[in-house]
N, C-alpha and C. Protein backbone atom coordinates (compact mmCIF):
# COMPACT_ATOMS: atom_id res chain seq x y z
N MET A 1 -6.25 54.34 130.64
CA MET A 1 -5.28 55.31 131.10
C MET A 1 -4.22 55.49 130.02
N ILE A 2 -3.81 56.75 129.80
CA ILE A 2 -2.78 57.07 128.81
C ILE A 2 -1.43 57.06 129.48
N ASP A 3 -0.49 56.33 128.88
CA ASP A 3 0.87 56.30 129.38
C ASP A 3 1.56 57.59 128.94
N ALA A 4 1.99 58.41 129.87
CA ALA A 4 2.62 59.70 129.56
C ALA A 4 3.82 59.55 128.66
N ARG A 5 4.49 58.41 128.69
CA ARG A 5 5.65 58.22 127.83
C ARG A 5 5.24 58.26 126.36
N ASN A 6 4.01 57.87 126.03
CA ASN A 6 3.56 57.92 124.64
C ASN A 6 3.40 59.35 124.16
N LEU A 7 3.15 60.27 125.07
CA LEU A 7 2.97 61.66 124.67
C LEU A 7 4.28 62.31 124.26
N HIS A 8 5.38 61.68 124.55
CA HIS A 8 6.69 62.23 124.20
C HIS A 8 7.36 61.42 123.10
N GLY A 9 6.60 60.60 122.37
CA GLY A 9 7.14 59.85 121.25
C GLY A 9 7.84 58.57 121.64
N ARG A 10 7.62 58.09 122.83
CA ARG A 10 8.25 56.85 123.26
C ARG A 10 7.21 55.75 123.30
N SER A 11 7.60 54.56 122.94
CA SER A 11 6.71 53.41 122.98
C SER A 11 6.65 52.87 124.40
N CYS A 12 5.57 52.15 124.70
CA CYS A 12 5.46 51.49 126.00
C CYS A 12 6.44 50.33 126.09
N VAL A 13 6.86 49.83 124.93
CA VAL A 13 7.81 48.71 124.91
C VAL A 13 9.21 49.29 125.02
N GLN A 14 9.97 48.78 125.99
CA GLN A 14 11.32 49.28 126.24
C GLN A 14 12.18 49.22 124.98
N GLY A 15 12.84 50.32 124.66
CA GLY A 15 13.77 50.37 123.54
C GLY A 15 13.13 50.65 122.20
N GLU A 16 11.81 50.63 122.10
CA GLU A 16 11.12 50.87 120.83
C GLU A 16 10.67 52.32 120.75
N GLN A 17 10.98 53.01 119.68
CA GLN A 17 10.59 54.41 119.47
C GLN A 17 9.54 54.48 118.38
N GLU A 18 8.50 55.25 118.58
CA GLU A 18 7.52 55.52 117.53
C GLU A 18 7.07 56.96 117.63
N GLU A 19 6.62 57.48 116.54
CA GLU A 19 6.18 58.88 116.49
C GLU A 19 4.87 59.04 117.25
N SER A 20 4.82 60.02 118.12
CA SER A 20 3.61 60.30 118.88
C SER A 20 2.66 61.14 118.05
N PRO A 21 1.35 60.86 118.11
CA PRO A 21 0.40 61.70 117.39
C PRO A 21 0.29 63.09 118.00
N TRP A 22 0.80 63.29 119.21
CA TRP A 22 0.72 64.58 119.89
C TRP A 22 1.88 65.49 119.52
N ARG A 23 2.90 64.96 118.94
CA ARG A 23 4.08 65.75 118.61
C ARG A 23 3.85 66.50 117.31
N ALA A 24 4.09 67.78 117.31
CA ALA A 24 3.91 68.61 116.12
C ALA A 24 5.05 68.34 115.15
N HIS A 25 4.76 68.38 113.85
CA HIS A 25 5.78 68.15 112.84
C HIS A 25 6.63 69.39 112.61
N SER A 26 6.11 70.55 112.96
CA SER A 26 6.89 71.77 112.85
C SER A 26 6.74 72.56 114.14
N PRO A 27 7.71 73.36 114.48
CA PRO A 27 7.62 74.11 115.74
C PRO A 27 6.44 75.07 115.73
N ILE A 28 5.82 75.22 116.87
CA ILE A 28 4.70 76.14 117.01
C ILE A 28 5.27 77.50 117.38
N GLU A 29 4.91 78.50 116.59
CA GLU A 29 5.42 79.84 116.84
C GLU A 29 4.44 80.61 117.73
N ALA A 30 4.99 81.44 118.56
CA ALA A 30 4.15 82.29 119.41
C ALA A 30 3.47 83.33 118.52
N PRO A 31 2.23 83.69 118.84
CA PRO A 31 1.56 84.71 118.04
C PRO A 31 2.33 86.03 118.07
N PHE A 32 2.35 86.74 116.95
CA PHE A 32 3.04 88.02 116.91
C PHE A 32 2.09 89.06 116.33
N ILE A 33 2.32 90.29 116.68
CA ILE A 33 1.58 91.41 116.11
C ILE A 33 2.58 92.54 115.88
N SER A 34 2.56 93.08 114.68
CA SER A 34 3.52 94.13 114.35
C SER A 34 3.10 95.46 114.97
N GLU A 35 3.98 96.42 114.86
CA GLU A 35 3.64 97.79 115.21
C GLU A 35 2.74 98.31 114.08
N PRO A 36 2.02 99.41 114.29
CA PRO A 36 1.21 99.97 113.20
C PRO A 36 2.10 100.34 112.01
N LEU A 37 1.68 99.90 110.82
CA LEU A 37 2.44 100.15 109.59
C LEU A 37 1.53 100.73 108.53
N ILE A 38 2.09 101.56 107.65
CA ILE A 38 1.34 102.02 106.49
C ILE A 38 1.51 100.95 105.40
N TRP A 39 0.65 101.00 104.37
CA TRP A 39 0.64 99.94 103.35
C TRP A 39 2.00 99.77 102.67
N ILE A 40 2.68 100.85 102.35
CA ILE A 40 3.99 100.73 101.68
C ILE A 40 4.99 99.99 102.57
N GLN A 41 4.94 100.20 103.88
CA GLN A 41 5.83 99.49 104.80
C GLN A 41 5.48 98.00 104.83
N ILE A 42 4.20 97.69 104.78
CA ILE A 42 3.78 96.28 104.77
C ILE A 42 4.29 95.61 103.52
N CYS A 43 4.15 96.28 102.38
CA CYS A 43 4.62 95.73 101.10
C CYS A 43 6.14 95.53 101.10
N GLU A 44 6.87 96.46 101.69
CA GLU A 44 8.34 96.34 101.75
C GLU A 44 8.77 95.23 102.69
N ARG A 45 8.08 95.09 103.81
CA ARG A 45 8.45 94.10 104.81
C ARG A 45 8.04 92.68 104.41
N TYR A 46 6.92 92.56 103.69
CA TYR A 46 6.39 91.25 103.29
C TYR A 46 6.13 91.23 101.78
N PRO A 47 7.19 91.36 100.97
CA PRO A 47 7.00 91.43 99.52
C PRO A 47 6.42 90.13 98.96
N ASN A 48 5.43 90.28 98.09
CA ASN A 48 4.79 89.14 97.43
C ASN A 48 4.27 88.09 98.40
N GLU A 49 3.79 88.52 99.56
CA GLU A 49 3.20 87.60 100.53
C GLU A 49 1.79 88.06 100.87
N TRP A 50 0.96 87.09 101.19
CA TRP A 50 -0.36 87.39 101.74
C TRP A 50 -0.18 87.86 103.17
N VAL A 51 -1.03 88.78 103.62
CA VAL A 51 -0.96 89.27 104.99
C VAL A 51 -2.35 89.29 105.62
N CYS A 52 -2.40 89.10 106.93
CA CYS A 52 -3.62 89.31 107.70
C CYS A 52 -3.39 90.54 108.56
N LEU A 53 -4.34 91.46 108.51
CA LEU A 53 -4.20 92.74 109.19
C LEU A 53 -5.33 92.95 110.19
N VAL A 54 -4.98 93.57 111.31
CA VAL A 54 -5.97 93.97 112.31
C VAL A 54 -5.73 95.43 112.66
N GLU A 55 -6.64 95.99 113.43
CA GLU A 55 -6.53 97.38 113.88
C GLU A 55 -6.26 98.32 112.71
N MET A 56 -7.01 98.11 111.62
CA MET A 56 -6.87 98.95 110.45
C MET A 56 -7.52 100.30 110.72
N GLU A 57 -6.70 101.32 110.71
CA GLU A 57 -7.19 102.69 110.91
C GLU A 57 -7.62 103.20 109.54
N GLU A 58 -8.93 103.17 109.31
CA GLU A 58 -9.48 103.48 107.99
C GLU A 58 -9.48 104.98 107.70
N LEU A 59 -9.23 105.28 106.44
CA LEU A 59 -9.31 106.67 105.99
C LEU A 59 -10.76 107.04 105.70
N THR A 60 -11.50 106.08 105.10
CA THR A 60 -12.92 106.29 104.81
C THR A 60 -13.68 105.01 105.15
N ASP A 61 -14.99 105.11 105.24
CA ASP A 61 -15.82 103.93 105.52
C ASP A 61 -16.27 103.23 104.24
N THR A 62 -15.93 103.76 103.08
CA THR A 62 -16.50 103.25 101.83
C THR A 62 -15.53 102.45 100.96
N ASP A 63 -14.27 102.38 101.32
CA ASP A 63 -13.33 101.61 100.49
C ASP A 63 -12.29 100.91 101.34
N LEU A 64 -11.32 100.29 100.68
CA LEU A 64 -10.29 99.51 101.38
C LEU A 64 -9.10 100.34 101.86
N ASP A 65 -9.12 101.64 101.61
CA ASP A 65 -8.00 102.47 102.04
C ASP A 65 -7.91 102.51 103.56
N PHE A 66 -6.69 102.40 104.05
CA PHE A 66 -6.46 102.55 105.48
C PHE A 66 -5.18 103.32 105.69
N HIS A 67 -5.10 103.98 106.84
CA HIS A 67 -3.91 104.75 107.16
C HIS A 67 -2.82 103.81 107.69
N THR A 68 -3.11 103.09 108.75
CA THR A 68 -2.17 102.12 109.31
C THR A 68 -2.93 100.84 109.67
N ALA A 69 -2.16 99.76 109.79
CA ALA A 69 -2.70 98.46 110.23
C ALA A 69 -1.58 97.69 110.88
N ARG A 70 -1.95 96.65 111.64
CA ARG A 70 -0.95 95.79 112.29
C ARG A 70 -1.03 94.40 111.67
N VAL A 71 0.12 93.84 111.34
CA VAL A 71 0.20 92.52 110.72
C VAL A 71 0.18 91.44 111.81
N VAL A 72 -0.71 90.45 111.63
CA VAL A 72 -0.77 89.33 112.57
C VAL A 72 -0.48 87.99 111.88
N GLY A 73 -0.22 88.04 110.59
CA GLY A 73 0.14 86.84 109.85
C GLY A 73 0.62 87.21 108.46
N HIS A 74 1.53 86.40 107.91
CA HIS A 74 2.03 86.62 106.56
C HIS A 74 2.57 85.32 106.01
N GLY A 75 2.56 85.17 104.69
CA GLY A 75 3.09 83.96 104.08
C GLY A 75 2.90 83.94 102.58
N LYS A 76 3.55 83.00 101.93
CA LYS A 76 3.50 82.85 100.48
C LYS A 76 2.17 82.30 100.00
N THR A 77 1.49 81.52 100.83
CA THR A 77 0.20 80.98 100.44
C THR A 77 -0.91 81.76 101.13
N ARG A 78 -2.13 81.64 100.62
CA ARG A 78 -3.27 82.32 101.24
C ARG A 78 -3.54 81.80 102.64
N ARG A 79 -3.25 80.53 102.87
CA ARG A 79 -3.58 79.89 104.14
C ARG A 79 -2.63 80.26 105.28
N GLU A 80 -1.34 80.40 104.99
CA GLU A 80 -0.34 80.66 106.04
C GLU A 80 -0.70 81.82 106.97
N PRO A 81 -1.02 83.01 106.45
CA PRO A 81 -1.33 84.11 107.35
C PRO A 81 -2.61 83.87 108.16
N LEU A 82 -3.56 83.16 107.58
CA LEU A 82 -4.80 82.86 108.31
C LEU A 82 -4.51 81.97 109.51
N GLU A 83 -3.64 80.99 109.33
CA GLU A 83 -3.26 80.10 110.44
C GLU A 83 -2.56 80.89 111.54
N GLN A 84 -1.65 81.79 111.15
CA GLN A 84 -0.91 82.59 112.13
C GLN A 84 -1.83 83.57 112.85
N ALA A 85 -2.88 84.02 112.17
CA ALA A 85 -3.78 85.03 112.74
C ALA A 85 -4.84 84.43 113.66
N ARG A 86 -4.96 83.13 113.68
CA ARG A 86 -6.00 82.47 114.46
C ARG A 86 -6.12 82.95 115.91
N PRO A 87 -5.01 83.15 116.64
CA PRO A 87 -5.13 83.62 118.03
C PRO A 87 -5.79 84.99 118.18
N PHE A 88 -5.89 85.75 117.10
CA PHE A 88 -6.42 87.11 117.18
C PHE A 88 -7.89 87.21 116.77
N VAL A 89 -8.48 86.11 116.33
CA VAL A 89 -9.86 86.14 115.85
C VAL A 89 -10.83 86.57 116.94
N GLU A 90 -10.64 86.07 118.14
CA GLU A 90 -11.57 86.39 119.23
C GLU A 90 -11.36 87.79 119.81
N THR A 91 -10.18 88.36 119.62
CA THR A 91 -9.90 89.67 120.23
C THR A 91 -10.04 90.84 119.26
N HIS A 92 -10.22 90.55 117.98
CA HIS A 92 -10.37 91.62 116.98
C HIS A 92 -11.62 91.35 116.15
N GLU A 93 -12.52 92.33 116.10
CA GLU A 93 -13.79 92.11 115.41
C GLU A 93 -13.67 92.15 113.90
N SER A 94 -12.62 92.76 113.36
CA SER A 94 -12.43 92.72 111.91
C SER A 94 -10.97 92.41 111.58
N MET A 95 -10.79 91.76 110.43
CA MET A 95 -9.46 91.35 110.01
C MET A 95 -9.40 91.43 108.49
N GLY A 96 -8.31 91.97 107.97
CA GLY A 96 -8.11 92.02 106.53
C GLY A 96 -7.19 90.91 106.08
N HIS A 97 -7.47 90.33 104.91
CA HIS A 97 -6.64 89.27 104.32
C HIS A 97 -6.32 89.73 102.91
N LEU A 98 -5.10 90.24 102.72
CA LEU A 98 -4.75 90.91 101.47
C LEU A 98 -3.41 90.44 100.92
N HIS A 99 -3.21 90.68 99.64
CA HIS A 99 -1.94 90.46 98.97
C HIS A 99 -1.47 91.84 98.49
N PRO A 100 -0.15 92.10 98.47
CA PRO A 100 0.34 93.43 98.07
C PRO A 100 -0.20 93.91 96.73
N HIS A 101 -0.47 93.02 95.80
CA HIS A 101 -0.96 93.44 94.49
C HIS A 101 -2.43 93.84 94.51
N SER A 102 -3.14 93.55 95.61
CA SER A 102 -4.58 93.83 95.65
C SER A 102 -4.90 95.30 95.85
N LEU A 103 -3.97 96.09 96.38
CA LEU A 103 -4.24 97.51 96.63
C LEU A 103 -3.35 98.45 95.85
N THR A 104 -2.48 97.91 95.03
CA THR A 104 -1.57 98.78 94.29
C THR A 104 -2.07 99.09 92.90
């Protein structure tokens, strides 16, 4: 049986504190999704950051051009936006992972 006090970072021994393996080291943010944005707005809002995009309204089927898209993750590293976008993987069949310099 698991002692519920351990789940909150408390030891079973009175007065002893230890870090719980269940406690996150950083706060968990709620998933967010932006309003539809054009590429220039994305670049202005998230300068020099990687972004994950969903609901990309494509201009053509043959290239990366899109009219608008919604941001579901952004960050300085390639991994950050992917982590933030995780809640949207099951609800969106396609997702873009881009850096502002990749389309300019």
